[in-house]
Amino acid sequence: MQVVAGSLQIDTAGRVLNAVPERRKPRLEARFVRQEHELRSAQRLRAEVFGAEYGVRFDDPEGLDRDRFDPFCDHINVYDTANALLVATTRLMTGEKARLAGSFYSEHEFDMTALARLPGRVLEIGRTCVHPDYRSGAAIAVLWSALSDYLVSQDFSYLLGCASISLRDGGLNFAAIMPELRERHLVEPALRVVPRRGLLMEADPATGPASLPPLLKAYLRMGCRIGGEACWDPDFQCADVFVLLDVAAMSARYAQRFLKAG
């Protein structure tokens, strides 16, 4: 499950701040999580952001968003070091770690049999979220830069994951988005995944143009393709679309911006 949403203030220790202090000019820095308190901060940010977006409550004694996959993942946090705030996070699971975990997280939503023979190393991205005050693009750019360096330095061939579309409007925006995704962004038939809980809705012309969620838009700009029809996530009341990136075919604009020379 991946989204950019929410309304909260969290410090680097994972504490929700009641009062918003006067802000200094942001200075953003991405770091891999190395200590337990850094992971807990990420899990708290995820819980607050996803809770605000979807109204979901996490069945955790401390109210954190954590699951059995977290210990198998690398986590990247983005901090505003000028204001001592955690502002974005994502987690990454290699194919090797997925085998130890029993599966990729995405396999709970999609039958990924078609991807079993993808050549090279595969990396799954998930649980991406951004603090609501940092959604102008700078935080996700810093996160993507760290991700791109990781993809290249660790010699990954493919990136996969899910991007979410809210259904809180009754699915109107989702129905408006899907025709464009089918027409312009689908992977070839041989690589398509199958949703375990299919979700089909007819677009209503009266709803107007589709509004792509920021994270999905960022994936498409990066060069990701859509793996097929969407899956219904009943816990978050959203539609998840599968995204797949051939790292070698990453869009030139993103490659020039993010990828460092080998």
Protein backbone atom coordinates (compact mmCIF):
# COMPACT_ATOMS: atom_id res chain seq x y z
CA MET A 1 0.00 0.00 0.00
CA GLN A 2 1.40 3.15 -1.11
CA VAL A 3 0.02 6.98 -0.63
CA VAL A 4 0.89 10.62 -0.12
CA ALA A 5 -1.54 12.09 2.40
CA GLY A 6 -2.26 12.93 6.02
CA SER A 7 -2.14 15.76 8.55
CA LEU A 8 0.36 15.58 11.38
CA GLN A 9 3.65 16.81 12.83
CA ILE A 10 6.20 14.14 13.85
CA ASP A 11 9.71 14.55 15.17
CA THR A 12 12.65 12.26 14.42
CA ALA A 13 11.95 10.15 17.51
CA GLY A 14 8.46 9.37 16.24
CA ARG A 15 6.57 11.66 18.62
CA VAL A 16 3.49 13.50 17.39
CA LEU A 17 3.89 17.18 18.19
CA ASN A 18 0.88 19.07 19.53
CA ALA A 19 2.13 22.51 18.63
CA VAL A 20 3.65 23.41 15.26
CA PRO A 21 6.80 25.46 15.87
CA GLU A 22 7.96 28.22 13.60
CA ARG A 23 9.60 26.53 10.64
CA ARG A 24 13.06 27.10 9.34
CA LYS A 25 13.77 26.71 5.65
CA PRO A 26 13.65 22.93 5.03
CA ARG A 27 16.86 21.00 4.47
CA LEU A 28 16.05 17.49 3.26
CA GLU A 29 18.22 14.42 3.67
CA ALA A 30 17.52 10.74 2.90
CA ARG A 31 18.99 8.06 5.15
CA PHE A 32 18.63 4.30 5.39
CA VAL A 33 17.16 3.18 8.69
CA ARG A 34 19.86 1.69 10.90
CA GLN A 35 18.32 1.78 14.39
CA GLU A 36 15.09 0.52 15.90
CA HIS A 37 13.83 3.96 16.91
CA GLU A 38 14.21 5.12 13.29
CA LEU A 39 12.04 2.25 12.11
CA ARG A 40 9.43 3.00 14.78
CA SER A 41 9.35 6.61 13.61
CA ALA A 42 8.64 5.42 10.08
CA GLN A 43 5.91 3.07 11.31
CA ARG A 44 4.32 5.89 13.28
CA LEU A 45 4.41 8.25 10.31
CA ARG A 46 2.82 5.55 8.16
CA ALA A 47 0.06 4.97 10.70
CA GLU A 48 -0.74 8.66 11.03
CA VAL A 49 -0.68 9.34 7.30
CA PHE A 50 -2.64 6.26 6.24
CA GLY A 51 -5.07 6.73 9.12
CA ALA A 52 -5.80 10.30 8.10
CA GLU A 53 -6.22 9.36 4.45
CA TYR A 54 -8.39 6.26 4.86
CA GLY A 55 -9.73 6.36 8.41
CA VAL A 56 -8.12 2.99 9.07
CA ARG A 57 -7.14 1.98 12.60
CA PHE A 58 -4.09 -0.22 13.06
CA ASP A 59 -4.44 -3.18 15.39
CA ASP A 60 -1.20 -2.48 17.20
CA PRO A 61 -0.68 -1.82 20.93
CA GLU A 62 1.22 1.38 20.13
CA GLY A 63 -0.88 2.42 17.16
CA LEU A 64 1.95 1.80 14.71
CA ASP A 65 1.68 0.52 11.15
CA ARG A 66 3.92 -2.52 11.25
CA ASP A 67 3.59 -5.98 9.78
CA ARG A 68 5.56 -9.18 9.34
CA PHE A 69 7.35 -7.84 6.25
CA ASP A 70 9.09 -4.92 7.96
CA PRO A 71 11.97 -7.00 9.40
CA PHE A 72 12.81 -8.27 5.90
CA CYS A 73 12.94 -4.79 4.35
CA ASP A 74 15.36 -1.93 4.04
CA HIS A 75 13.73 1.39 4.93
CA ILE A 76 14.59 4.85 3.65
CA ASN A 77 13.57 7.87 5.74
CA VAL A 78 13.69 11.47 4.55
CA TYR A 79 14.32 14.07 7.25
CA ASP A 80 13.98 17.81 7.31
CA THR A 81 17.14 18.28 9.33
CA ALA A 82 16.58 22.01 9.75
CA ASN A 83 13.36 21.33 11.66
CA ALA A 84 14.18 17.87 13.11
CA LEU A 85 11.23 16.22 11.37
CA LEU A 86 10.68 12.90 9.65
CA VAL A 87 8.85 13.87 6.44
CA ALA A 88 8.78 10.77 4.21
CA THR A 89 9.49 7.07 4.27
CA THR A 90 9.43 3.96 2.09
CA ARG A 91 10.46 0.34 2.43
CA LEU A 92 12.30 -1.91 -0.01
CA MET A 93 12.36 -5.71 -0.15
CA THR A 94 14.70 -7.66 -2.42
CA GLY A 95 13.69 -10.85 -4.16
CA GLU A 96 16.13 -12.71 -1.94
CA LYS A 97 14.46 -11.37 1.21
CA ALA A 98 11.00 -12.04 -0.26
CA ARG A 99 11.90 -15.72 -0.50
CA LEU A 100 12.86 -15.69 3.18
CA ALA A 101 9.60 -13.89 4.05
CA GLY A 102 7.57 -16.35 1.99
CA SER A 103 6.43 -13.82 -0.63
CA PHE A 104 6.46 -10.24 -1.73
CA TYR A 105 3.84 -8.08 -0.02
CA SER A 106 2.27 -7.46 -3.44
CA GLU A 107 1.55 -11.18 -3.84
CA HIS A 108 -1.20 -10.86 -1.25
CA GLU A 109 -3.07 -8.70 -3.76
CA PHE A 110 -1.92 -10.03 -7.11
CA ASP A 111 -1.11 -13.35 -8.72
CA MET A 112 2.40 -12.56 -9.98
CA THR A 113 3.05 -15.87 -11.75
CA ALA A 114 3.72 -14.03 -15.01
CA LEU A 115 6.71 -12.28 -13.43
CA ALA A 116 8.38 -15.40 -12.03
CA ARG A 117 10.93 -15.53 -14.85
CA LEU A 118 11.93 -11.88 -14.92
CA PRO A 119 15.70 -11.76 -15.51
CA GLY A 120 18.01 -10.14 -12.98
CA ARG A 121 17.37 -8.88 -9.47
CA VAL A 122 13.93 -7.62 -8.44
CA LEU A 123 13.14 -5.02 -5.77
CA GLU A 124 9.72 -4.31 -4.26
CA ILE A 125 8.82 -0.84 -3.02
CA GLY A 126 5.98 -0.27 -0.57
CA ARG A 127 4.45 1.68 2.29
CA THR A 128 5.56 4.99 0.80
CA CYS A 129 4.14 8.10 2.45
CA VAL A 130 4.95 11.80 2.74
CA HIS A 131 4.17 14.30 5.50
CA PRO A 132 1.34 16.59 4.31
CA ASP A 133 3.42 19.74 4.70
CA TYR A 134 6.08 18.35 2.35
CA ARG A 135 4.08 17.34 -0.70
CA SER A 136 5.34 20.02 -3.06
CA GLY A 137 7.66 17.49 -4.70
CA ALA A 138 10.98 18.10 -2.98
CA ALA A 139 10.62 15.29 -0.42
CA ILE A 140 9.61 12.68 -2.98
CA ALA A 141 12.46 13.84 -5.23
CA VAL A 142 14.98 13.26 -2.42
CA LEU A 143 13.40 9.86 -1.73
CA TRP A 144 13.50 8.91 -5.42
CA SER A 145 17.13 9.99 -5.66
CA ALA A 146 18.09 7.62 -2.83
CA LEU A 147 15.99 4.87 -4.40
CA SER A 148 17.62 5.34 -7.80
CA ASP A 149 21.11 5.18 -6.33
CA TYR A 150 20.13 1.96 -4.55
CA LEU A 151 18.68 0.42 -7.73
CA VAL A 152 21.91 1.06 -9.63
CA SER A 153 24.45 0.32 -6.90
CA GLN A 154 22.80 -3.02 -6.06
CA ASP A 155 22.32 -3.96 -9.73
CA PHE A 156 18.53 -4.37 -9.76
CA SER A 157 16.80 -5.02 -13.07
CA TYR A 158 13.18 -4.42 -12.04
CA LEU A 159 11.24 -2.42 -9.46
CA LEU A 160 7.71 -3.46 -8.58
CA GLY A 161 5.01 -2.47 -6.13
CA CYS A 162 1.52 -1.03 -5.76
CA ALA A 163 0.07 2.46 -6.00
CA SER A 164 -3.26 3.28 -4.37
CA ILE A 165 -6.31 5.15 -5.60
CA SER A 166 -8.82 6.16 -2.94
CA LEU A 167 -12.40 4.90 -3.23
CA ARG A 168 -13.81 7.33 -0.67
CA ASP A 169 -15.59 9.21 -3.45
CA GLY A 170 -17.47 6.05 -4.37
CA GLY A 171 -14.87 5.07 -6.93
CA LEU A 172 -15.60 7.90 -9.37
CA ASN A 173 -12.00 9.03 -9.72
CA PHE A 174 -10.75 5.45 -9.93
CA ALA A 175 -13.20 4.72 -12.75
CA ALA A 176 -12.02 7.84 -14.58
CA ILE A 177 -8.33 6.94 -14.17
CA MET A 178 -8.39 3.33 -15.36
CA PRO A 179 -9.25 3.92 -19.07
CA GLU A 180 -6.15 6.12 -19.46
CA LEU A 181 -3.96 3.56 -17.66
CA ARG A 182 -5.27 0.76 -19.88
CA GLU A 183 -4.79 2.77 -23.05
CA ARG A 184 -1.37 4.31 -22.42
CA HIS A 185 0.51 2.52 -19.64
CA LEU A 186 -0.13 -1.24 -19.58
CA VAL A 187 2.72 -3.71 -19.72
CA GLU A 188 2.68 -6.30 -22.50
CA PRO A 189 0.23 -9.20 -21.97
CA ALA A 190 2.99 -11.68 -21.07
CA LEU A 191 3.89 -9.65 -17.96
CA ARG A 192 0.42 -8.91 -16.61
CA VAL A 193 -0.54 -9.77 -13.06
CA VAL A 194 -4.02 -10.83 -11.95
CA PRO A 195 -5.78 -9.12 -9.01
CA ARG A 196 -6.99 -11.45 -6.26
CA ARG A 197 -9.98 -9.15 -5.64
CA GLY A 198 -10.86 -7.64 -8.99
CA LEU A 199 -12.48 -4.22 -9.17
CA LEU A 200 -14.16 -2.90 -12.32
CA MET A 201 -16.15 0.33 -12.47
CA GLU A 202 -17.55 2.19 -15.45
CA ALA A 203 -16.39 5.78 -15.87
CA ASP A 204 -19.05 8.48 -15.58
CA PRO A 205 -18.40 11.33 -18.04
CA ALA A 206 -20.08 13.71 -15.60
CA THR A 207 -17.23 13.31 -13.10
CA GLY A 208 -14.87 15.29 -15.33
CA PRO A 209 -11.17 14.58 -15.93
CA ALA A 210 -9.32 12.03 -13.85
CA SER A 211 -7.06 13.19 -11.03
CA LEU A 212 -4.03 10.93 -10.67
CA PRO A 213 -2.81 10.46 -7.08
CA PRO A 214 0.62 12.11 -6.66
CA LEU A 215 2.48 8.87 -6.03
CA LEU A 216 0.97 7.12 -9.04
CA LYS A 217 1.79 10.15 -11.17
CA ALA A 218 5.40 10.03 -9.92
CA TYR A 219 5.68 6.33 -10.80
CA LEU A 220 4.43 6.95 -14.33
CA ARG A 221 6.84 9.84 -14.82
CA MET A 222 9.63 7.60 -13.63
CA GLY A 223 8.79 5.16 -16.42
CA CYS A 224 6.71 2.58 -14.54
CA ARG A 225 4.10 0.58 -16.42
CA ILE A 226 0.81 -0.75 -15.05
CA GLY A 227 0.64 -4.51 -14.56
CA GLY A 228 -3.06 -4.99 -15.29
CA GLU A 229 -6.42 -4.45 -13.61
CA ALA A 230 -6.63 -3.06 -10.08
CA CYS A 231 -7.12 -4.94 -6.84
CA TRP A 232 -9.62 -3.88 -4.18
CA ASP A 233 -8.07 -3.37 -0.74
CA PRO A 234 -10.97 -3.72 1.73
CA ASP A 235 -8.90 -2.65 4.76
CA PHE A 236 -7.97 0.71 3.28
CA GLN A 237 -11.00 1.06 0.99
CA CYS A 238 -8.83 1.81 -2.00
CA ALA A 239 -7.92 0.34 -5.37
CA ASP A 240 -4.31 -0.77 -5.78
CA VAL A 241 -2.69 -0.84 -9.20
CA PHE A 242 0.45 -2.86 -9.80
CA VAL A 243 3.46 -0.94 -11.11
CA LEU A 244 6.53 -2.39 -12.81
CA LEU A 245 9.70 -0.56 -13.80
CA ASP A 246 12.38 -1.90 -16.11
CA VAL A 247 15.36 -0.10 -14.58
CA ALA A 248 17.27 -0.14 -17.88
CA ALA A 249 14.33 1.62 -19.57
CA MET A 250 13.83 4.25 -16.87
CA SER A 251 12.69 7.49 -18.47
CA ALA A 252 15.57 9.68 -19.63
CA ARG A 253 14.41 12.66 -17.60
CA TYR A 254 14.51 10.68 -14.36
CA ALA A 255 17.76 8.98 -15.28
CA GLN A 256 19.46 12.34 -15.86
CA ARG A 257 18.04 13.75 -12.68
CA PHE A 258 18.62 10.90 -10.28
CA LEU A 259 21.02 8.27 -11.49
CA LYS A 260 24.70 8.84 -10.81
CA ALA A 261 27.28 7.68 -13.26
CA GLY A 262 28.45 4.17 -12.46
